[in-house]
Each structure stands twice: as C-alpha cells, then as structure tokens.
Protein backbone atom coordinates (compact mmCIF):
# COMPACT_ATOMS: atom_id res chain seq x y z
CA MET A 1 18.20 9.78 45.31
CA ASP A 2 15.73 6.80 46.04
CA LYS A 3 11.79 7.28 46.26
CA GLU A 4 12.38 7.46 50.15
CA GLU A 5 14.69 10.44 50.12
CA ILE A 6 12.50 11.96 47.52
CA GLY A 7 9.52 11.65 49.75
CA VAL A 8 11.42 13.21 52.75
CA GLN A 9 12.45 16.26 50.48
CA ILE A 10 8.73 16.85 49.51
CA SER A 11 7.74 16.35 52.78
CA LYS A 12 10.31 18.93 54.32
CA ARG A 13 9.43 21.40 51.65
CA ARG A 14 5.58 21.16 52.12
CA GLN A 15 6.13 21.81 55.90
CA VAL A 16 8.23 24.85 55.12
CA LEU A 17 5.72 26.25 53.08
CA GLY A 18 3.15 25.60 55.97
CA ILE A 19 0.71 23.53 53.91
CA ASP A 20 -0.88 20.20 54.43
CA GLN A 21 -0.93 17.25 52.21
CA LYS A 22 -4.62 17.94 51.12
CA THR A 23 -3.46 21.50 49.90
CA ALA A 24 -0.28 20.21 48.37
CA ALA A 25 -2.29 17.53 46.36
CA GLU A 26 -4.77 20.19 45.21
CA LEU A 27 -2.13 22.45 44.05
CA SER A 28 -0.43 19.79 42.31
CA GLY A 29 -3.45 18.25 40.56
CA VAL A 30 -2.80 14.75 42.16
CA SER A 31 -4.82 12.87 44.49
CA VAL A 32 -4.12 13.09 48.41
CA HIS A 33 -3.58 9.56 48.31
CA THR A 34 -0.74 9.85 45.71
CA PHE A 35 0.68 12.67 47.49
CA SER A 36 0.66 10.90 50.73
CA ASP A 37 2.27 7.53 49.17
CA VAL A 38 5.04 9.55 47.53
CA GLU A 39 5.85 11.44 50.87
CA SER A 40 6.04 8.21 52.78
CA GLY A 41 8.13 6.51 50.17
CA LYS A 42 5.50 3.99 49.28
CA GLY A 43 4.45 5.42 45.78
CA ASN A 44 6.50 5.31 42.65
CA PRO A 45 5.15 8.09 40.68
CA SER A 46 5.61 8.78 36.96
CA VAL A 47 8.00 11.63 35.89
CA LYS A 48 4.95 13.63 34.93
CA VAL A 49 3.15 13.35 38.30
CA LEU A 50 6.28 14.10 40.31
CA ARG A 51 6.83 17.04 38.24
CA LYS A 52 3.47 18.28 39.03
CA MET A 53 4.10 17.66 42.69
CA LEU A 54 7.53 19.39 42.71
CA ASP A 55 6.22 22.45 40.51
CA ALA A 56 3.48 22.94 43.16
CA LEU A 57 6.05 23.08 45.97
CA GLY A 58 8.60 25.19 44.09
CA LEU A 59 10.99 22.42 43.73
CA GLU A 60 12.85 20.97 40.29
CA ILE A 61 14.06 17.71 39.26
CA ARG A 62 17.70 17.51 38.44
CA ILE A 63 19.23 14.39 36.94
CA GLN A 64 22.91 13.61 36.79
CA LEU A 65 24.31 10.95 34.68
CA LYS A 66 27.39 9.37 35.36
CA GLN A 67 29.54 7.33 33.28
CA THR A 68 30.25 3.98 35.02
CA SER A 69 33.80 2.22 34.66
CA ARG A 70 32.29 -0.49 32.38
CA GLU A 71 31.21 2.18 30.10
CA THR A 72 34.29 3.92 30.03
CA GLU A 73 36.24 0.53 29.24
CA GLU A 74 34.10 -0.31 26.38
CA GLY A 75 34.22 3.45 24.81
C-alpha cells in the first residue's frame, strides 16, 4: 500500500466516523496540516505519527513481509 492509498483509507474512515480533519487532528495529536497532507497523499509521516492518526480513527497498521525470489535463491 502506498502513501496515496493510506491517505484514501484514512479519509474514508474519518468520513465514516463523521468528523472533520480538524477534529481528527486534535484527537490524534497532530497538526491539521499534517493530517491534510497525509490524507491527500502528499505527506510522508513517520510510523509514530501515522500510528497516532490511525489510533484516533480506530485503525491499525498491519505489515506483511514477503520474501522475494532473489532472497529465496540466496537462502
């Protein structure tokens, strides 16, 4: 998932909750500017900031690691 897709998911969840960006930013402890940039796919937040935003919206980060064919050949 790239940063644009993350922004779309955050925006959708915020809208489902019926809150504006200002309220979401306040709940997550980040600036409205940061929240807006992430939603629009312009921002590149740290994992810490992203986690604050997702926690405020009831979302979570899931990371899936996948071994590439090159790693398989070397192993």
